[in-house]
Amino acid sequence: LIAIPTTAGTGSEVNYYSVLTLPDGERKKTFKASD
C-alpha cells in the first residue's frame, strides 16, 4: 500500500488504522492489522 494525503488531519498515511462505517450506517468499527 502507498498513501498520499490531500488533507492535513488524520495521519492515516503513518498508521495502520482503517475506520469503517458498518452496514447499519450508524456505527464505526476500526480495522487494524500489522500488515
Full PDB file with SEQRES, HELIX, SHEET, SSBOND, CRYST1, ORIGX, SCALE, CONECT and MASTER records, all heavy atoms in Angstrom:
SEQRES   1 A   35  LEU ILE ALA ILE PRO THR THR ALA GLY THR GLY SER GLU          
SEQRES   2 A   35  VAL ASN TYR TYR SER VAL LEU THR LEU PRO ASP GLY GLU          
SEQRES   3 A   35  ARG LYS LYS THR PHE LYS ALA SER ASP                          
HELIX    1 AA1 SER A   12  VAL A   14  5                                   3    
SHEET    1 AA1 2 TYR A  17  THR A  21  0                                        
SHEET    2 AA1 2 LYS A  28  LYS A  32 -1                                        
CRYST1    1.000    1.000    1.000  90.00  90.00  90.00 P 1           1          
ORIGX1      1.000000  0.000000  0.000000        0.00000                         
ORIGX2      0.000000  1.000000  0.000000        0.00000                         
ORIGX3      0.000000  0.000000  1.000000        0.00000                         
SCALE1      1.000000  0.000000  0.000000        0.00000                         
SCALE2      0.000000  1.000000  0.000000        0.00000                         
SCALE3      0.000000  0.000000  1.000000        0.00000                         
ATOM      1  N   LEU A   1       0.823  -1.203   0.000  1.00  0.00           N  
ATOM      2  CA  LEU A   1       0.000   0.000   0.000  1.00  0.00           C  
ATOM      3  C   LEU A   1       0.863   1.261   0.000  1.00  0.00           C  
ATOM      4  O   LEU A   1       1.863   1.346   0.718  1.00  0.00           O  
ATOM      5  CB  LEU A   1      -0.892  -0.018   1.247  1.00  0.00           C  
ATOM      6  CG  LEU A   1      -1.795   1.171   1.508  1.00  0.00           C  
ATOM      7  CD1 LEU A   1      -2.858   1.297   0.427  1.00  0.00           C  
ATOM      8  CD2 LEU A   1      -2.450   1.032   2.878  1.00  0.00           C  
ATOM      9  N   ILE A   2       0.435   2.252  -0.785  1.00  0.00           N  
ATOM     10  CA  ILE A   2       1.041   3.583  -0.811  1.00  0.00           C  
ATOM     11  C   ILE A   2      -0.028   4.585  -0.405  1.00  0.00           C  
ATOM     12  O   ILE A   2      -1.177   4.484  -0.837  1.00  0.00           O  
ATOM     13  CB  ILE A   2       1.586   3.916  -2.212  1.00  0.00           C  
ATOM     14  CG1 ILE A   2       2.797   3.028  -2.529  1.00  0.00           C  
ATOM     15  CG2 ILE A   2       1.968   5.396  -2.330  1.00  0.00           C  
ATOM     16  CD1 ILE A   2       3.264   3.125  -3.977  1.00  0.00           C  
ATOM     17  N   ALA A   3       0.333   5.559   0.421  1.00  0.00           N  
ATOM     18  CA  ALA A   3      -0.625   6.557   0.895  1.00  0.00           C  
ATOM     19  C   ALA A   3      -0.175   7.957   0.504  1.00  0.00           C  
ATOM     20  O   ALA A   3       0.988   8.326   0.717  1.00  0.00           O  
ATOM     21  CB  ALA A   3      -0.773   6.466   2.406  1.00  0.00           C  
ATOM     22  N   ILE A   4      -1.120   8.729  -0.056  1.00  0.00           N  
ATOM     23  CA  ILE A   4      -0.830  10.102  -0.479  1.00  0.00           C  
ATOM     24  C   ILE A   4      -1.925  11.003   0.074  1.00  0.00           C  
ATOM     25  O   ILE A   4      -3.024  11.079  -0.483  1.00  0.00           O  
ATOM     26  CB  ILE A   4      -0.758  10.208  -2.019  1.00  0.00           C  
ATOM     27  CG1 ILE A   4       0.282   9.221  -2.559  1.00  0.00           C  
ATOM     28  CG2 ILE A   4      -0.424  11.639  -2.443  1.00  0.00           C  
ATOM     29  CD1 ILE A   4       0.330   9.138  -4.079  1.00  0.00           C  
ATOM     30  N   PRO A   5      -1.680  11.684   1.194  1.00  0.00           N  
ATOM     31  CA  PRO A   5      -2.727  12.520   1.795  1.00  0.00           C  
ATOM     32  C   PRO A   5      -2.947  13.821   1.043  1.00  0.00           C  
ATOM     33  O   PRO A   5      -1.998  14.434   0.545  1.00  0.00           O  
ATOM     34  CB  PRO A   5      -2.185  12.792   3.202  1.00  0.00           C  
ATOM     35  CG  PRO A   5      -0.700  12.713   3.057  1.00  0.00           C  
ATOM     36  CD  PRO A   5      -0.458  11.657   2.012  1.00  0.00           C  
ATOM     37  N   THR A   6      -4.205  14.238   0.969  1.00  0.00           N  
ATOM     38  CA  THR A   6      -4.551  15.541   0.396  1.00  0.00           C  
ATOM     39  C   THR A   6      -5.204  16.441   1.444  1.00  0.00           C  
ATOM     40  O   THR A   6      -5.699  17.516   1.118  1.00  0.00           O  
ATOM     41  CB  THR A   6      -5.514  15.378  -0.807  1.00  0.00           C  
ATOM     42  OG1 THR A   6      -6.728  14.768  -0.356  1.00  0.00           O  
ATOM     43  CG2 THR A   6      -4.880  14.534  -1.904  1.00  0.00           C  
ATOM     44  N   THR A   7      -5.222  15.989   2.686  1.00  0.00           N  
ATOM     45  CA  THR A   7      -5.672  16.807   3.809  1.00  0.00           C  
ATOM     46  C   THR A   7      -4.619  16.714   4.905  1.00  0.00           C  
ATOM     47  O   THR A   7      -3.786  15.808   4.905  1.00  0.00           O  
ATOM     48  CB  THR A   7      -7.027  16.331   4.380  1.00  0.00           C  
ATOM     49  OG1 THR A   7      -6.855  15.040   4.988  1.00  0.00           O  
ATOM     50  CG2 THR A   7      -8.085  16.265   3.300  1.00  0.00           C  
ATOM     51  N   ALA A   8      -4.681  17.653   5.843  1.00  0.00           N  
ATOM     52  CA  ALA A   8      -3.756  17.648   6.978  1.00  0.00           C  
ATOM     53  C   ALA A   8      -4.557  17.354   8.222  1.00  0.00           C  
ATOM     54  O   ALA A   8      -4.960  18.255   8.955  1.00  0.00           O  
ATOM     55  CB  ALA A   8      -3.037  18.992   7.087  1.00  0.00           C  
ATOM     56  N   GLY A   9      -4.846  16.064   8.455  1.00  0.00           N  
ATOM     57  CA  GLY A   9      -5.720  15.736   9.571  1.00  0.00           C  
ATOM     58  C   GLY A   9      -5.493  14.369  10.176  1.00  0.00           C  
ATOM     59  O   GLY A   9      -4.975  14.244  11.275  1.00  0.00           O  
ATOM     60  N   THR A  10      -5.850  13.322   9.460  1.00  0.00           N  
ATOM     61  CA  THR A  10      -5.957  12.005  10.093  1.00  0.00           C  
ATOM     62  C   THR A  10      -4.619  11.354  10.388  1.00  0.00           C  
ATOM     63  O   THR A  10      -4.534  10.530  11.287  1.00  0.00           O  
ATOM     64  CB  THR A  10      -6.763  11.035   9.217  1.00  0.00           C  
ATOM     65  OG1 THR A  10      -6.030  10.764   8.027  1.00  0.00           O  
ATOM     66  CG2 THR A  10      -8.116  11.622   8.865  1.00  0.00           C  
ATOM     67  N   GLY A  11      -3.589  11.655   9.610  1.00  0.00           N  
ATOM     68  CA  GLY A  11      -2.330  10.937   9.772  1.00  0.00           C  
ATOM     69  C   GLY A  11      -2.429   9.489   9.359  1.00  0.00           C  
ATOM     70  O   GLY A  11      -1.589   8.660   9.718  1.00  0.00           O  
ATOM     71  N   SER A  12      -3.455   9.156   8.569  1.00  0.00           N  
ATOM     72  CA  SER A  12      -3.668   7.770   8.168  1.00  0.00           C  
ATOM     73  C   SER A  12      -2.515   7.226   7.339  1.00  0.00           C  
ATOM     74  O   SER A  12      -2.349   6.010   7.226  1.00  0.00           O  
ATOM     75  CB  SER A  12      -4.978   7.651   7.377  1.00  0.00           C  
ATOM     76  OG  SER A  12      -5.313   6.317   7.121  1.00  0.00           O  
ATOM     77  N   GLU A  13      -1.711   8.115   6.776  1.00  0.00           N  
ATOM     78  CA  GLU A  13      -0.567   7.679   5.976  1.00  0.00           C  
ATOM     79  C   GLU A  13       0.528   7.030   6.817  1.00  0.00           C  
ATOM     80  O   GLU A  13       1.424   6.368   6.274  1.00  0.00           O  
ATOM     81  CB  GLU A  13       0.012   8.867   5.183  1.00  0.00           C  
ATOM     82  CG  GLU A  13       0.657   9.962   6.019  1.00  0.00           C  
ATOM     83  CD  GLU A  13      -0.330  10.999   6.526  1.00  0.00           C  
ATOM     84  OE1 GLU A  13      -1.561  10.781   6.404  1.00  0.00           O  
ATOM     85  OE2 GLU A  13       0.131  12.045   7.027  1.00  0.00           O  
ATOM     86  N   VAL A  14       0.478   7.221   8.149  1.00  0.00           N  
ATOM     87  CA  VAL A  14       1.528   6.662   9.005  1.00  0.00           C  
ATOM     88  C   VAL A  14       0.943   5.876  10.180  1.00  0.00           C  
ATOM     89  O   VAL A  14       1.518   5.816  11.259  1.00  0.00           O  
ATOM     90  CB  VAL A  14       2.486   7.761   9.527  1.00  0.00           C  
ATOM     91  CG1 VAL A  14       3.418   8.235   8.432  1.00  0.00           C  
ATOM     92  CG2 VAL A  14       1.709   8.927  10.138  1.00  0.00           C  
ATOM     93  N   ASN A  15      -0.223   5.292   9.971  1.00  0.00           N  
ATOM     94  CA  ASN A  15      -0.726   4.357  10.979  1.00  0.00           C  
ATOM     95  C   ASN A  15      -1.468   3.217  10.287  1.00  0.00           C  
ATOM     96  O   ASN A  15      -1.646   3.240   9.070  1.00  0.00           O  
ATOM     97  CB  ASN A  15      -1.586   5.058  12.039  1.00  0.00           C  
ATOM     98  CG  ASN A  15      -2.838   5.695  11.483  1.00  0.00           C  
ATOM     99  OD1 ASN A  15      -3.629   5.034  10.811  1.00  0.00           O  
ATOM    100  ND2 ASN A  15      -3.037   6.973  11.767  1.00  0.00           N  
ATOM    101  N   TYR A  16      -1.856   2.241  11.060  1.00  0.00           N  
ATOM    102  CA  TYR A  16      -2.466   1.043  10.489  1.00  0.00           C  
ATOM    103  C   TYR A  16      -3.952   0.944  10.798  1.00  0.00           C  
ATOM    104  O   TYR A  16      -4.552  -0.122  10.721  1.00  0.00           O  
ATOM    105  CB  TYR A  16      -1.737  -0.214  10.969  1.00  0.00           C  
ATOM    106  CG  TYR A  16      -1.784  -0.486  12.456  1.00  0.00           C  
ATOM    107  CD1 TYR A  16      -2.352  -1.663  12.931  1.00  0.00           C  
ATOM    108  CD2 TYR A  16      -1.248   0.402  13.379  1.00  0.00           C  
ATOM    109  CE1 TYR A  16      -2.391  -1.948  14.290  1.00  0.00           C  
ATOM    110  CE2 TYR A  16      -1.281   0.139  14.735  1.00  0.00           C  
ATOM    111  CZ  TYR A  16      -1.852  -1.029  15.189  1.00  0.00           C  
ATOM    112  OH  TYR A  16      -1.879  -1.297  16.538  1.00  0.00           O  
ATOM    113  N   TYR A  17      -4.578   2.074  11.103  1.00  0.00           N  
ATOM    114  CA  TYR A  17      -6.000   2.115  11.411  1.00  0.00           C  
ATOM    115  C   TYR A  17      -6.829   2.369  10.159  1.00  0.00           C  
ATOM    116  O   TYR A  17      -6.488   3.196   9.324  1.00  0.00           O  
ATOM    117  CB  TYR A  17      -6.304   3.220  12.425  1.00  0.00           C  
ATOM    118  CG  TYR A  17      -5.492   3.162  13.694  1.00  0.00           C  
ATOM    119  CD1 TYR A  17      -4.795   4.279  14.147  1.00  0.00           C  
ATOM    120  CD2 TYR A  17      -5.419   1.991  14.439  1.00  0.00           C  
ATOM    121  CE1 TYR A  17      -4.051   4.225  15.323  1.00  0.00           C  
ATOM    122  CE2 TYR A  17      -4.675   1.927  15.613  1.00  0.00           C  
ATOM    123  CZ  TYR A  17      -4.000   3.056  16.047  1.00  0.00           C  
ATOM    124  OH  TYR A  17      -3.262   3.002  17.195  1.00  0.00           O  
ATOM    125  N   SER A  18      -7.951   1.685  10.076  1.00  0.00           N  
ATOM    126  CA  SER A  18      -8.916   1.889   8.998  1.00  0.00           C  
ATOM    127  C   SER A  18     -10.295   1.942   9.642  1.00  0.00           C  
ATOM    128  O   SER A  18     -10.862   0.909  10.016  1.00  0.00           O  
ATOM    129  CB  SER A  18      -8.831   0.742   7.985  1.00  0.00           C  
ATOM    130  OG  SER A  18      -9.849   0.840   7.013  1.00  0.00           O  
ATOM    131  N   VAL A  19     -10.828   3.157   9.798  1.00  0.00           N  
ATOM    132  CA  VAL A  19     -12.111   3.348  10.486  1.00  0.00           C  
ATOM    133  C   VAL A  19     -13.226   3.278   9.447  1.00  0.00           C  
ATOM    134  O   VAL A  19     -13.311   4.125   8.548  1.00  0.00           O  
ATOM    135  CB  VAL A  19     -12.145   4.691  11.233  1.00  0.00           C  
ATOM    136  CG1 VAL A  19     -13.456   4.831  12.004  1.00  0.00           C  
ATOM    137  CG2 VAL A  19     -10.951   4.807  12.190  1.00  0.00           C  
ATOM    138  N   LEU A  20     -14.079   2.284   9.581  1.00  0.00           N  
ATOM    139  CA  LEU A  20     -15.082   1.978   8.566  1.00  0.00           C  
ATOM    140  C   LEU A  20     -16.490   2.060   9.143  1.00  0.00           C  
ATOM    141  O   LEU A  20     -16.714   1.768  10.323  1.00  0.00           O  
ATOM    142  CB  LEU A  20     -14.840   0.576   7.999  1.00  0.00           C  
ATOM    143  CG  LEU A  20     -13.425   0.298   7.489  1.00  0.00           C  
ATOM    144  CD1 LEU A  20     -13.276  -1.171   7.112  1.00  0.00           C  
ATOM    145  CD2 LEU A  20     -13.096   1.196   6.292  1.00  0.00           C  
ATOM    146  N   THR A  21     -17.433   2.453   8.287  1.00  0.00           N  
ATOM    147  CA  THR A  21     -18.841   2.510   8.681  1.00  0.00           C  
ATOM    148  C   THR A  21     -19.479   1.146   8.466  1.00  0.00           C  
ATOM    149  O   THR A  21     -19.428   0.586   7.357  1.00  0.00           O  
ATOM    150  CB  THR A  21     -19.587   3.569   7.863  1.00  0.00           C  
ATOM    151  OG1 THR A  21     -18.982   4.847   8.082  1.00  0.00           O  
ATOM    152  CG2 THR A  21     -21.043   3.633   8.270  1.00  0.00           C  
ATOM    153  N   LEU A  22     -20.078   0.619   9.507  1.00  0.00           N  
ATOM    154  CA  LEU A  22     -20.698  -0.702   9.427  1.00  0.00           C  
ATOM    155  C   LEU A  22     -21.987  -0.644   8.597  1.00  0.00           C  
ATOM    156  O   LEU A  22     -22.541   0.435   8.365  1.00  0.00           O  
ATOM    157  CB  LEU A  22     -20.978  -1.219  10.830  1.00  0.00           C  
ATOM    158  CG  LEU A  22     -19.725  -1.476  11.690  1.00  0.00           C  
ATOM    159  CD1 LEU A  22     -20.126  -1.979  13.070  1.00  0.00           C  
ATOM    160  CD2 LEU A  22     -18.785  -2.461  11.011  1.00  0.00           C  
ATOM    161  N   PRO A  23     -22.461  -1.803   8.138  1.00  0.00           N  
ATOM    162  CA  PRO A  23     -23.629  -1.815   7.236  1.00  0.00           C  
ATOM    163  C   PRO A  23     -24.884  -1.151   7.792  1.00  0.00           C  
ATOM    164  O   PRO A  23     -25.745  -0.718   7.009  1.00  0.00           O  
ATOM    165  CB  PRO A  23     -23.857  -3.308   6.988  1.00  0.00           C  
ATOM    166  CG  PRO A  23     -22.480  -3.891   7.065  1.00  0.00           C  
ATOM    167  CD  PRO A  23     -21.815  -3.137   8.191  1.00  0.00           C  
ATOM    168  N   ASP A  24     -25.016  -1.014   9.125  1.00  0.00           N  
ATOM    169  CA  ASP A  24     -26.206  -0.336   9.647  1.00  0.00           C  
ATOM    170  C   ASP A  24     -26.163   1.170   9.410  1.00  0.00           C  
ATOM    171  O   ASP A  24     -27.162   1.871   9.611  1.00  0.00           O  
ATOM    172  CB  ASP A  24     -26.409  -0.635  11.135  1.00  0.00           C  
ATOM    173  CG  ASP A  24     -25.292  -0.102  12.039  1.00  0.00           C  
ATOM    174  OD1 ASP A  24     -24.452   0.696  11.572  1.00  0.00           O  
ATOM    175  OD2 ASP A  24     -25.253  -0.492  13.228  1.00  0.00           O  
ATOM    176  N   GLY A  25     -25.008   1.699   8.975  1.00  0.00           N  
ATOM    177  CA  GLY A  25     -24.880   3.118   8.649  1.00  0.00           C  
ATOM    178  C   GLY A  25     -24.824   4.039   9.850  1.00  0.00           C  
ATOM    179  O   GLY A  25     -24.761   5.256   9.687  1.00  0.00           O  
ATOM    180  N   GLU A  26     -24.800   3.490  11.065  1.00  0.00           N  
ATOM    181  CA  GLU A  26     -24.836   4.315  12.267  1.00  0.00           C  
ATOM    182  C   GLU A  26     -23.605   4.152  13.150  1.00  0.00           C  
ATOM    183  O   GLU A  26     -23.373   4.956  14.037  1.00  0.00           O  
ATOM    184  CB  GLU A  26     -26.089   3.983  13.091  1.00  0.00           C  
ATOM    185  CG  GLU A  26     -27.384   4.332  12.381  1.00  0.00           C  
ATOM    186  CD  GLU A  26     -28.589   4.178  13.280  1.00  0.00           C  
ATOM    187  OE1 GLU A  26     -28.463   3.534  14.351  1.00  0.00           O  
ATOM    188  OE2 GLU A  26     -29.657   4.707  12.927  1.00  0.00           O  
ATOM    189  N   ARG A  27     -22.838   3.105  12.927  1.00  0.00           N  
ATOM    190  CA  ARG A  27     -21.689   2.840  13.790  1.00  0.00           C  
ATOM    191  C   ARG A  27     -20.427   2.675  12.958  1.00  0.00           C  
ATOM    192  O   ARG A  27     -20.476   2.304  11.784  1.00  0.00           O  
ATOM    193  CB  ARG A  27     -21.921   1.556  14.596  1.00  0.00           C  
ATOM    194  CG  ARG A  27     -23.051   1.644  15.602  1.00  0.00           C  
ATOM    195  CD  ARG A  27     -23.295   0.285  16.234  1.00  0.00           C  
ATOM    196  NE  ARG A  27     -23.723  -0.687  15.231  1.00  0.00           N  
ATOM    197  CZ  ARG A  27     -23.379  -1.979  15.242  1.00  0.00           C  
ATOM    198  NH1 ARG A  27     -22.610  -2.449  16.203  1.00  0.00           N  
ATOM    199  NH2 ARG A  27     -23.815  -2.797  14.295  1.00  0.00           N  
ATOM    200  N   LYS A  28     -19.296   2.967  13.622  1.00  0.00           N  
ATOM    201  CA  LYS A  28     -17.995   2.744  13.007  1.00  0.00           C  
ATOM    202  C   LYS A  28     -17.258   1.651  13.764  1.00  0.00           C  
ATOM    203  O   LYS A  28     -17.468   1.456  14.961  1.00  0.00           O  
ATOM    204  CB  LYS A  28     -17.147   4.021  13.027  1.00  0.00           C  
ATOM    205  CG  LYS A  28     -17.670   5.150  12.155  1.00  0.00           C  
ATOM    206  CD  LYS A  28     -16.699   6.313  12.168  1.00  0.00           C  
ATOM    207  CE  LYS A  28     -17.146   7.431  11.254  1.00  0.00           C  
ATOM    208  NZ  LYS A  28     -16.126   8.506  11.150  1.00  0.00           N  
ATOM    209  N   LYS A  29     -16.378   0.969  13.051  1.00  0.00           N  
ATOM    210  CA  LYS A  29     -15.510  -0.012  13.695  1.00  0.00           C  
ATOM    211  C   LYS A  29     -14.160   0.034  13.006  1.00  0.00           C  
ATOM    212  O   LYS A  29     -14.081   0.113  11.770  1.00  0.00           O  
ATOM    213  CB  LYS A  29     -16.115  -1.417  13.611  1.00  0.00           C  
ATOM    214  CG  LYS A  29     -15.313  -2.462  14.402  1.00  0.00           C  
ATOM    215  CD  LYS A  29     -16.022  -3.810  14.448  1.00  0.00           C  
ATOM    216  CE  LYS A  29     -15.216  -4.806  15.284  1.00  0.00           C  
ATOM    217  NZ  LYS A  29     -15.893  -6.114  15.393  1.00  0.00           N  
ATOM    218  N   THR A  30     -13.106  -0.032  13.797  1.00  0.00           N  
ATOM    219  CA  THR A  30     -11.762   0.105  13.255  1.00  0.00           C  
ATOM    220  C   THR A  30     -11.173  -1.241  12.887  1.00  0.00           C  
ATOM    221  O   THR A  30     -11.098  -2.153  13.715  1.00  0.00           O  
ATOM    222  CB  THR A  30     -10.842   0.798  14.273  1.00  0.00           C  
ATOM    223  OG1 THR A  30     -11.379   2.083  14.590  1.00  0.00           O  
ATOM    224  CG2 THR A  30      -9.441   0.976  13.705  1.00  0.00           C  
ATOM    225  N   PHE A  31     -10.763  -1.350  11.623  1.00  0.00           N  
ATOM    226  CA  PHE A  31      -9.969  -2.490  11.168  1.00  0.00           C  
ATOM    227  C   PHE A  31      -8.508  -2.123  11.333  1.00  0.00           C  
ATOM    228  O   PHE A  31      -8.071  -1.039  10.935  1.00  0.00           O  
ATOM    229  CB  PHE A  31     -10.274  -2.798   9.698  1.00  0.00           C  
ATOM    230  CG  PHE A  31      -9.198  -3.588   8.996  1.00  0.00           C  
ATOM    231  CD1 PHE A  31      -8.894  -4.876   9.402  1.00  0.00           C  
ATOM    232  CD2 PHE A  31      -8.482  -3.032   7.940  1.00  0.00           C  
ATOM    233  CE1 PHE A  31      -7.892  -5.605   8.764  1.00  0.00           C  
ATOM    234  CE2 PHE A  31      -7.490  -3.752   7.294  1.00  0.00           C  
ATOM    235  CZ  PHE A  31      -7.191  -5.037   7.698  1.00  0.00           C  
ATOM    236  N   LYS A  32      -7.747  -2.990  11.959  1.00  0.00           N  
ATOM    237  CA  LYS A  32      -6.305  -2.760  12.051  1.00  0.00           C  
ATOM    238  C   LYS A  32      -5.588  -4.095  11.985  1.00  0.00           C  
ATOM    239  O   LYS A  32      -6.052  -5.102  12.526  1.00  0.00           O  
ATOM    240  CB  LYS A  32      -5.941  -2.005  13.328  1.00  0.00           C  
ATOM    241  CG  LYS A  32      -6.487  -2.569  14.619  1.00  0.00           C  
ATOM    242  CD  LYS A  32      -6.197  -1.617  15.781  1.00  0.00           C  
ATOM    243  CE  LYS A  32      -6.830  -2.129  17.065  1.00  0.00           C  
ATOM    244  NZ  LYS A  32      -6.609  -1.203  18.192  1.00  0.00           N  
ATOM    245  N   ALA A  33      -4.485  -4.073  11.277  1.00  0.00           N  
ATOM    246  CA  ALA A  33      -3.686  -5.290  11.115  1.00  0.00           C  
ATOM    247  C   ALA A  33      -2.231  -4.886  10.979  1.00  0.00           C  
ATOM    248  O   ALA A  33      -1.904  -3.828  10.427  1.00  0.00           O  
ATOM    249  CB  ALA A  33      -4.138  -6.068   9.875  1.00  0.00           C  
ATOM    250  N   SER A  34      -1.348  -5.727  11.468  1.00  0.00           N  
ATOM    251  CA  SER A  34       0.074  -5.384  11.471  1.00  0.00           C  
ATOM    252  C   SER A  34       0.649  -5.233  10.071  1.00  0.00           C  
ATOM    253  O   SER A  34       1.688  -4.601   9.884  1.00  0.00           O  
ATOM    254  CB  SER A  34       0.863  -6.454  12.237  1.00  0.00           C  
ATOM    255  OG  SER A  34       0.697  -7.727  11.634  1.00  0.00           O  
ATOM    256  N   ASP A  35      -0.049  -5.807   9.075  1.00  0.00           N  
ATOM    257  CA  ASP A  35       0.447  -5.682   7.695  1.00  0.00           C  
ATOM    258  C   ASP A  35      -0.334  -4.630   6.903  1.00  0.00           C  
ATOM    259  O   ASP A  35      -0.214  -4.548   5.690  1.00  0.00           O  
ATOM    260  CB  ASP A  35       0.387  -7.026   6.973  1.00  0.00           C  
ATOM    261  CG  ASP A  35      -1.014  -7.625   6.927  1.00  0.00           C  
ATOM    262  OD1 ASP A  35      -1.974  -6.938   7.339  1.00  0.00           O  
ATOM    263  OD2 ASP A  35      -1.156  -8.779   6.485  1.00  0.00           O  
TER     264      ASP A  35                                                      
MASTER        0    0    0    1    2    0    0    6  263    1    0    3          
END                                                                             
